[in-house]
Amino acid sequence: MSSERVIDARGLKCPWPALRLAREMRTAAGATLRLLADDPAAPREIAALAAERGWQVEPVEGGFLIRA
Protein backbone atom coordinates (compact mmCIF):
# COMPACT_ATOMS: atom_id res chain seq x y z
CA MET A 1 0.00 0.00 0.00
CA SER A 2 1.40 3.38 -0.99
CA SER A 3 1.26 6.39 1.30
CA GLU A 4 2.40 9.99 1.01
CA ARG A 5 4.79 11.58 3.47
CA VAL A 6 5.56 15.30 3.57
CA ILE A 7 8.99 16.81 4.06
CA ASP A 8 8.79 20.52 4.81
CA ALA A 9 12.11 22.05 3.76
CA ARG A 10 10.76 25.56 3.18
CA GLY A 11 13.18 28.19 4.40
CA LEU A 12 16.16 25.86 4.06
CA LYS A 13 18.93 26.58 1.57
CA CYS A 14 20.39 23.85 -0.63
CA PRO A 15 21.77 21.33 -0.09
CA TRP A 16 19.50 20.84 2.96
CA PRO A 17 16.25 20.06 1.07
CA ALA A 18 18.09 17.40 -0.98
CA LEU A 19 19.75 15.97 2.13
CA ARG A 20 16.42 15.70 3.92
CA LEU A 21 14.90 14.02 0.88
CA ALA A 22 17.74 11.49 0.65
CA ARG A 23 17.39 10.64 4.36
CA GLU A 24 13.62 10.13 4.09
CA MET A 25 13.90 8.04 0.91
CA ARG A 26 16.06 5.53 2.79
CA THR A 27 13.08 4.67 5.01
CA ALA A 28 10.23 5.34 2.57
CA ALA A 29 9.88 1.98 0.83
CA GLY A 30 6.80 2.20 -1.39
CA ALA A 31 5.92 5.70 -0.25
CA THR A 32 5.46 8.86 -2.27
CA LEU A 33 7.22 11.82 -0.71
CA ARG A 34 6.04 15.40 -1.10
CA LEU A 35 8.97 17.74 -0.65
CA LEU A 36 8.06 21.36 0.04
CA ALA A 37 11.00 23.60 -0.84
CA ASP A 38 11.31 27.26 -1.73
CA ASP A 39 15.04 27.66 -2.39
CA PRO A 40 15.52 28.64 -6.06
CA ALA A 41 18.33 26.04 -6.33
CA ALA A 42 16.08 23.19 -5.11
CA PRO A 43 14.68 22.12 -8.52
CA ARG A 44 18.19 21.64 -9.91
CA GLU A 45 19.45 19.85 -6.78
CA ILE A 46 16.41 17.56 -6.54
CA ALA A 47 16.55 16.71 -10.25
CA ALA A 48 20.24 15.80 -10.02
CA LEU A 49 19.69 13.63 -6.94
CA ALA A 50 16.70 11.91 -8.50
CA ALA A 51 18.58 11.18 -11.73
CA GLU A 52 21.47 9.73 -9.75
CA ARG A 53 19.19 7.50 -7.66
CA GLY A 54 16.62 6.59 -10.33
CA TRP A 55 13.69 8.34 -8.63
CA GLN A 56 10.71 9.86 -10.44
CA VAL A 57 10.14 13.56 -9.71
CA GLU A 58 7.00 15.49 -10.53
CA PRO A 59 6.88 19.24 -9.89
CA VAL A 60 3.76 20.28 -7.97
CA GLU A 61 2.66 23.57 -6.46
CA GLY A 62 5.12 24.48 -3.72
CA GLY A 63 7.39 21.52 -4.24
CA PHE A 64 7.83 18.06 -5.71
CA LEU A 65 6.38 14.54 -5.58
CA ILE A 66 9.11 11.92 -5.48
CA ARG A 67 8.73 8.16 -6.03
CA ALA A 68 11.46 5.55 -5.88
PDB file of N, CA and C in Angstrom:
ATOM      1  N   MET A   1       0.846  -1.192   0.000  1.00  0.00           N
ATOM      2  CA  MET A   1       0.000   0.000   0.000  1.00  0.00           C
ATOM      3  C   MET A   1       0.885   1.247   0.000  1.00  0.00           C
ATOM      4  N   SER A   2       0.616   2.169  -0.865  1.00  0.00           N
ATOM      5  CA  SER A   2       1.404   3.382  -0.988  1.00  0.00           C
ATOM      6  C   SER A   2       0.812   4.488  -0.120  1.00  0.00           C
ATOM      7  N   SER A   3       1.703   5.264   0.496  1.00  0.00           N
ATOM      8  CA  SER A   3       1.263   6.393   1.303  1.00  0.00           C
ATOM      9  C   SER A   3       2.112   7.598   0.925  1.00  0.00           C
ATOM     10  N   GLU A   4       1.656   8.770   1.307  1.00  0.00           N
ATOM     11  CA  GLU A   4       2.402   9.985   1.006  1.00  0.00           C
ATOM     12  C   GLU A   4       2.901  10.604   2.290  1.00  0.00           C
ATOM     13  N   ARG A   5       4.190  10.906   2.323  1.00  0.00           N
ATOM     14  CA  ARG A   5       4.790  11.584   3.469  1.00  0.00           C
ATOM     15  C   ARG A   5       5.253  12.950   3.012  1.00  0.00           C
ATOM     16  N   VAL A   6       5.189  13.924   3.910  1.00  0.00           N
ATOM     17  CA  VAL A   6       5.557  15.300   3.574  1.00  0.00           C
ATOM     18  C   VAL A   6       6.854  15.665   4.285  1.00  0.00           C
ATOM     19  N   ILE A   7       7.753  16.255   3.517  1.00  0.00           N
ATOM     20  CA  ILE A   7       8.994  16.812   4.058  1.00  0.00           C
ATOM     21  C   ILE A   7       8.905  18.317   3.850  1.00  0.00           C
ATOM     22  N   ASP A   8       8.880  19.065   4.916  1.00  0.00           N
ATOM     23  CA  ASP A   8       8.791  20.522   4.811  1.00  0.00           C
ATOM     24  C   ASP A   8      10.192  21.112   4.933  1.00  0.00           C
ATOM     25  N   ALA A   9      10.767  21.470   3.795  1.00  0.00           N
ATOM     26  CA  ALA A   9      12.106  22.052   3.763  1.00  0.00           C
ATOM     27  C   ALA A   9      12.049  23.526   3.362  1.00  0.00           C
ATOM     28  N   ARG A  10      10.882  24.133   3.509  1.00  0.00           N
ATOM     29  CA  ARG A  10      10.758  25.558   3.184  1.00  0.00           C
ATOM     30  C   ARG A  10      11.627  26.358   4.148  1.00  0.00           C
ATOM     31  N   GLY A  11      12.304  27.355   3.590  1.00  0.00           N
ATOM     32  CA  GLY A  11      13.178  28.194   4.400  1.00  0.00           C
ATOM     33  C   GLY A  11      14.593  27.651   4.509  1.00  0.00           C
ATOM     34  N   LEU A  12      14.827  26.442   4.016  1.00  0.00           N
ATOM     35  CA  LEU A  12      16.161  25.857   4.060  1.00  0.00           C
ATOM     36  C   LEU A  12      16.862  26.077   2.727  1.00  0.00           C
ATOM     37  N   LYS A  13      18.129  26.379   2.780  1.00  0.00           N
ATOM     38  CA  LYS A  13      18.935  26.575   1.572  1.00  0.00           C
ATOM     39  C   LYS A  13      19.567  25.253   1.172  1.00  0.00           C
ATOM     40  N   CYS A  14      19.730  25.061  -0.132  1.00  0.00           N
ATOM     41  CA  CYS A  14      20.389  23.853  -0.633  1.00  0.00           C
ATOM     42  C   CYS A  14      21.820  23.828  -0.106  1.00  0.00           C
ATOM     43  N   PRO A  15      22.257  22.655   0.270  1.00  0.00           N
ATOM     44  CA  PRO A  15      21.766  21.331  -0.088  1.00  0.00           C
ATOM     45  C   PRO A  15      20.790  20.708   0.905  1.00  0.00           C
ATOM     46  N   TRP A  16      20.320  21.441   1.906  1.00  0.00           N
ATOM     47  CA  TRP A  16      19.496  20.836   2.962  1.00  0.00           C
ATOM     48  C   TRP A  16      18.212  20.184   2.470  1.00  0.00           C
ATOM     49  N   PRO A  17      17.444  20.776   1.541  1.00  0.00           N
ATOM     50  CA  PRO A  17      16.254  20.055   1.067  1.00  0.00           C
ATOM     51  C   PRO A  17      16.608  18.703   0.437  1.00  0.00           C
ATOM     52  N   ALA A  18      17.675  18.659  -0.357  1.00  0.00           N
ATOM     53  CA  ALA A  18      18.089  17.400  -0.983  1.00  0.00           C
ATOM     54  C   ALA A  18      18.571  16.401   0.063  1.00  0.00           C
ATOM     55  N   LEU A  19      19.279  16.862   1.070  1.00  0.00           N
ATOM     56  CA  LEU A  19      19.749  15.969   2.128  1.00  0.00           C
ATOM     57  C   LEU A  19      18.587  15.389   2.923  1.00  0.00           C
ATOM     58  N   ARG A  20      17.600  16.210   3.210  1.00  0.00           N
ATOM     59  CA  ARG A  20      16.415  15.701   3.919  1.00  0.00           C
ATOM     60  C   ARG A  20      15.667  14.685   3.078  1.00  0.00           C
ATOM     61  N   LEU A  21      15.557  14.959   1.775  1.00  0.00           N
ATOM     62  CA  LEU A  21      14.896  14.024   0.876  1.00  0.00           C
ATOM     63  C   LEU A  21      15.636  12.690   0.856  1.00  0.00           C
ATOM     64  N   ALA A  22      16.950  12.719   0.709  1.00  0.00           N
ATOM     65  CA  ALA A  22      17.740  11.486   0.650  1.00  0.00           C
ATOM     66  C   ALA A  22      17.561  10.677   1.931  1.00  0.00           C
ATOM     67  N   ARG A  23      17.563  11.337   3.077  1.00  0.00           N
ATOM     68  CA  ARG A  23      17.388  10.642   4.358  1.00  0.00           C
ATOM     69  C   ARG A  23      16.018   9.981   4.433  1.00  0.00           C
ATOM     70  N   GLU A  24      14.974  10.690   4.034  1.00  0.00           N
ATOM     71  CA  GLU A  24      13.620  10.132   4.086  1.00  0.00           C
ATOM     72  C   GLU A  24      13.427   8.989   3.097  1.00  0.00           C
ATOM     73  N   MET A  25      14.047   9.089   1.927  1.00  0.00           N
ATOM     74  CA  MET A  25      13.896   8.041   0.912  1.00  0.00           C
ATOM     75  C   MET A  25      14.493   6.720   1.385  1.00  0.00           C
ATOM     76  N   ARG A  26      15.481   6.767   2.272  1.00  0.00           N
ATOM     77  CA  ARG A  26      16.062   5.527   2.792  1.00  0.00           C
ATOM     78  C   ARG A  26      15.053   4.718   3.583  1.00  0.00           C
ATOM     79  N   THR A  27      14.066   5.369   4.174  1.00  0.00           N
ATOM     80  CA  THR A  27      13.083   4.675   5.007  1.00  0.00           C
ATOM     81  C   THR A  27      11.680   4.715   4.417  1.00  0.00           C
ATOM     82  N   ALA A  28      11.556   5.116   3.157  1.00  0.00           N
ATOM     83  CA  ALA A  28      10.234   5.339   2.566  1.00  0.00           C
ATOM     84  C   ALA A  28       9.856   4.283   1.541  1.00  0.00           C
ATOM     85  N   ALA A  29      10.174   3.043   1.801  1.00  0.00           N
ATOM     86  CA  ALA A  29       9.880   1.981   0.834  1.00  0.00           C
ATOM     87  C   ALA A  29       8.407   2.015   0.418  1.00  0.00           C
ATOM     88  N   GLY A  30       8.161   2.192  -0.871  1.00  0.00           N
ATOM     89  CA  GLY A  30       6.804   2.201  -1.394  1.00  0.00           C
ATOM     90  C   GLY A  30       6.028   3.481  -1.184  1.00  0.00           C
ATOM     91  N   ALA A  31       6.636   4.456  -0.530  1.00  0.00           N
ATOM     92  CA  ALA A  31       5.922   5.701  -0.248  1.00  0.00           C
ATOM     93  C   ALA A  31       6.170   6.730  -1.348  1.00  0.00           C
ATOM     94  N   THR A  32       5.266   7.670  -1.449  1.00  0.00           N
ATOM     95  CA  THR A  32       5.459   8.858  -2.267  1.00  0.00           C
ATOM     96  C   THR A  32       5.775   9.980  -1.300  1.00  0.00           C
ATOM     97  N   LEU A  33       6.849  10.704  -1.570  1.00  0.00           N
ATOM     98  CA  LEU A  33       7.219  11.822  -0.709  1.00  0.00           C
ATOM     99  C   LEU A  33       6.855  13.130  -1.393  1.00  0.00           C
ATOM    100  N   ARG A  34       6.317  14.042  -0.617  1.00  0.00           N
ATOM    101  CA  ARG A  34       6.043  15.400  -1.099  1.00  0.00           C
ATOM    102  C   ARG A  34       7.054  16.295  -0.399  1.00  0.00           C
ATOM    103  N   LEU A  35       7.960  16.849  -1.188  1.00  0.00           N
ATOM    104  CA  LEU A  35       8.974  17.743  -0.652  1.00  0.00           C
ATOM    105  C   LEU A  35       8.534  19.174  -0.906  1.00  0.00           C
ATOM    106  N   LEU A  36       8.390  19.937   0.150  1.00  0.00           N
ATOM    107  CA  LEU A  36       8.058  21.355   0.043  1.00  0.00           C
ATOM    108  C   LEU A  36       9.369  22.115   0.175  1.00  0.00           C
ATOM    109  N   ALA A  37       9.735  22.865  -0.845  1.00  0.00           N
ATOM    110  CA  ALA A  37      10.999  23.602  -0.840  1.00  0.00           C
ATOM    111  C   ALA A  37      10.834  24.904  -1.605  1.00  0.00           C
ATOM    112  N   ASP A  38      11.438  25.961  -1.070  1.00  0.00           N
ATOM    113  CA  ASP A  38      11.310  27.263  -1.728  1.00  0.00           C
ATOM    114  C   ASP A  38      12.649  27.877  -2.129  1.00  0.00           C
ATOM    115  N   ASP A  39      13.745  27.164  -1.947  1.00  0.00           N
ATOM    116  CA  ASP A  39      15.045  27.657  -2.391  1.00  0.00           C
ATOM    117  C   ASP A  39      15.087  27.582  -3.918  1.00  0.00           C
ATOM    118  N   PRO A  40      15.476  28.656  -4.597  1.00  0.00           N
ATOM    119  CA  PRO A  40      15.524  28.638  -6.064  1.00  0.00           C
ATOM    120  C   PRO A  40      16.451  27.546  -6.630  1.00  0.00           C
ATOM    121  N   ALA A  41      17.413  27.090  -5.865  1.00  0.00           N
ATOM    122  CA  ALA A  41      18.325  26.039  -6.332  1.00  0.00           C
ATOM    123  C   ALA A  41      17.736  24.640  -6.148  1.00  0.00           C
ATOM    124  N   ALA A  42      16.654  24.512  -5.418  1.00  0.00           N
ATOM    125  CA  ALA A  42      16.082  23.194  -5.108  1.00  0.00           C
ATOM    126  C   ALA A  42      15.699  22.386  -6.351  1.00  0.00           C
ATOM    127  N   PRO A  43      15.046  22.952  -7.354  1.00  0.00           N
ATOM    128  CA  PRO A  43      14.685  22.117  -8.516  1.00  0.00           C
ATOM    129  C   PRO A  43      15.896  21.452  -9.170  1.00  0.00           C
ATOM    130  N   ARG A  44      16.970  22.188  -9.310  1.00  0.00           N
ATOM    131  CA  ARG A  44      18.187  21.641  -9.913  1.00  0.00           C
ATOM    132  C   ARG A  44      18.794  20.554  -9.024  1.00  0.00           C
ATOM    133  N   GLU A  45      18.871  20.809  -7.732  1.00  0.00           N
ATOM    134  CA  GLU A  45      19.447  19.848  -6.781  1.00  0.00           C
ATOM    135  C   GLU A  45      18.613  18.575  -6.708  1.00  0.00           C
ATOM    136  N   ILE A  46      17.304  18.718  -6.638  1.00  0.00           N
ATOM    137  CA  ILE A  46      16.411  17.556  -6.539  1.00  0.00           C
ATOM    138  C   ILE A  46      16.460  16.740  -7.829  1.00  0.00           C
ATOM    139  N   ALA A  47      16.475  17.420  -8.975  1.00  0.00           N
ATOM    140  CA  ALA A  47      16.546  16.712 -10.253  1.00  0.00           C
ATOM    141  C   ALA A  47      17.841  15.917 -10.374  1.00  0.00           C
ATOM    142  N   ALA A  48      18.950  16.494  -9.948  1.00  0.00           N
ATOM    143  CA  ALA A  48      20.238  15.800 -10.017  1.00  0.00           C
ATOM    144  C   ALA A  48      20.251  14.584  -9.094  1.00  0.00           C
ATOM    145  N   LEU A  49      19.746  14.741  -7.892  1.00  0.00           N
ATOM    146  CA  LEU A  49      19.692  13.633  -6.940  1.00  0.00           C
ATOM    147  C   LEU A  49      18.783  12.522  -7.452  1.00  0.00           C
ATOM    148  N   ALA A  50      17.647  12.894  -7.984  1.00  0.00           N
ATOM    149  CA  ALA A  50      16.697  11.907  -8.500  1.00  0.00           C
ATOM    150  C   ALA A  50      17.283  11.143  -9.689  1.00  0.00           C
ATOM    151  N   ALA A  51      17.963  11.838 -10.578  1.00  0.00           N
ATOM    152  CA  ALA A  51      18.578  11.182 -11.730  1.00  0.00           C
ATOM    153  C   ALA A  51      19.651  10.195 -11.278  1.00  0.00           C
ATOM    154  N   GLU A  52      20.416  10.588 -10.287  1.00  0.00           N
ATOM    155  CA  GLU A  52      21.475   9.730  -9.750  1.00  0.00           C
ATOM    156  C   GLU A  52      20.910   8.469  -9.100  1.00  0.00           C
ATOM    157  N   ARG A  53      19.762   8.616  -8.422  1.00  0.00           N
ATOM    158  CA  ARG A  53      19.186   7.503  -7.663  1.00  0.00           C
ATOM    159  C   ARG A  53      18.082   6.753  -8.405  1.00  0.00           C
ATOM    160  N   GLY A  54      17.667   7.253  -9.563  1.00  0.00           N
ATOM    161  CA  GLY A  54      16.619   6.589 -10.331  1.00  0.00           C
ATOM    162  C   GLY A  54      15.212   6.849  -9.816  1.00  0.00           C
ATOM    163  N   TRP A  55      15.002   7.981  -9.159  1.00  0.00           N
ATOM    164  CA  TRP A  55      13.692   8.343  -8.635  1.00  0.00           C
ATOM    165  C   TRP A  55      12.915   9.111  -9.697  1.00  0.00           C
ATOM    166  N   GLN A  56      11.588   9.060  -9.584  1.00  0.00           N
ATOM    167  CA  GLN A  56      10.714   9.861 -10.443  1.00  0.00           C
ATOM    168  C   GLN A  56      10.353  11.124  -9.674  1.00  0.00           C
ATOM    169  N   VAL A  57      10.457  12.264 -10.337  1.00  0.00           N
ATOM    170  CA  VAL A  57      10.138  13.556  -9.714  1.00  0.00           C
ATOM    171  C   VAL A  57       9.090  14.254 -10.546  1.00  0.00           C
ATOM    172  N   GLU A  58       8.064  14.735  -9.867  1.00  0.00           N
ATOM    173  CA  GLU A  58       7.000  15.491 -10.527  1.00  0.00           C
ATOM    174  C   GLU A  58       6.862  16.832  -9.817  1.00  0.00           C
ATOM    175  N   PRO A  59       7.083  17.940 -10.520  1.00  0.00           N
ATOM    176  CA  PRO A  59       6.879  19.242  -9.891  1.00  0.00           C
ATOM    177  C   PRO A  59       5.395  19.446  -9.566  1.00  0.00           C
ATOM    178  N   VAL A  60       5.123  19.937  -8.389  1.00  0.00           N
ATOM    179  CA  VAL A  60       3.763  20.285  -7.968  1.00  0.00           C
ATOM    180  C   VAL A  60       3.836  21.653  -7.293  1.00  0.00           C
ATOM    181  N   GLU A  61       2.691  22.244  -7.075  1.00  0.00           N
ATOM    182  CA  GLU A  61       2.661  23.567  -6.458  1.00  0.00           C
ATOM    183  C   GLU A  61       3.380  23.530  -5.101  1.00  0.00           C
ATOM    184  N   GLY A  62       4.393  24.364  -4.975  1.00  0.00           N
ATOM    185  CA  GLY A  62       5.118  24.478  -3.715  1.00  0.00           C
ATOM    186  C   GLY A  62       6.183  23.423  -3.499  1.00  0.00           C
ATOM    187  N   GLY A  63       6.373  22.527  -4.459  1.00  0.00           N
ATOM    188  CA  GLY A  63       7.392  21.517  -4.237  1.00  0.00           C
ATOM    189  C   GLY A  63       7.418  20.425  -5.290  1.00  0.00           C
ATOM    190  N   PHE A  64       7.612  19.203  -4.824  1.00  0.00           N
ATOM    191  CA  PHE A  64       7.827  18.059  -5.709  1.00  0.00           C
ATOM    192  C   PHE A  64       7.215  16.812  -5.115  1.00  0.00           C
ATOM    193  N   LEU A  65       6.752  15.907  -5.988  1.00  0.00           N
ATOM    194  CA  LEU A  65       6.380  14.541  -5.584  1.00  0.00           C
ATOM    195  C   LEU A  65       7.504  13.639  -6.052  1.00  0.00           C
ATOM    196  N   ILE A  66       7.991  12.800  -5.161  1.00  0.00           N
ATOM    197  CA  ILE A  66       9.105  11.917  -5.483  1.00  0.00           C
ATOM    198  C   ILE A  66       8.711  10.481  -5.191  1.00  0.00           C
ATOM    199  N   ARG A  67       8.987   9.595  -6.177  1.00  0.00           N
ATOM    200  CA  ARG A  67       8.727   8.162  -6.028  1.00  0.00           C
ATOM    201  C   ARG A  67       9.988   7.410  -6.383  1.00  0.00           C
ATOM    202  N   ALA A  68      10.286   6.373  -5.598  1.00  0.00           N
ATOM    203  CA  ALA A  68      11.464   5.550  -5.877  1.00  0.00           C
ATOM    204  C   ALA A  68      11.166   4.588  -7.003  1.00  0.00           C
TER     205      ALA A  68
END
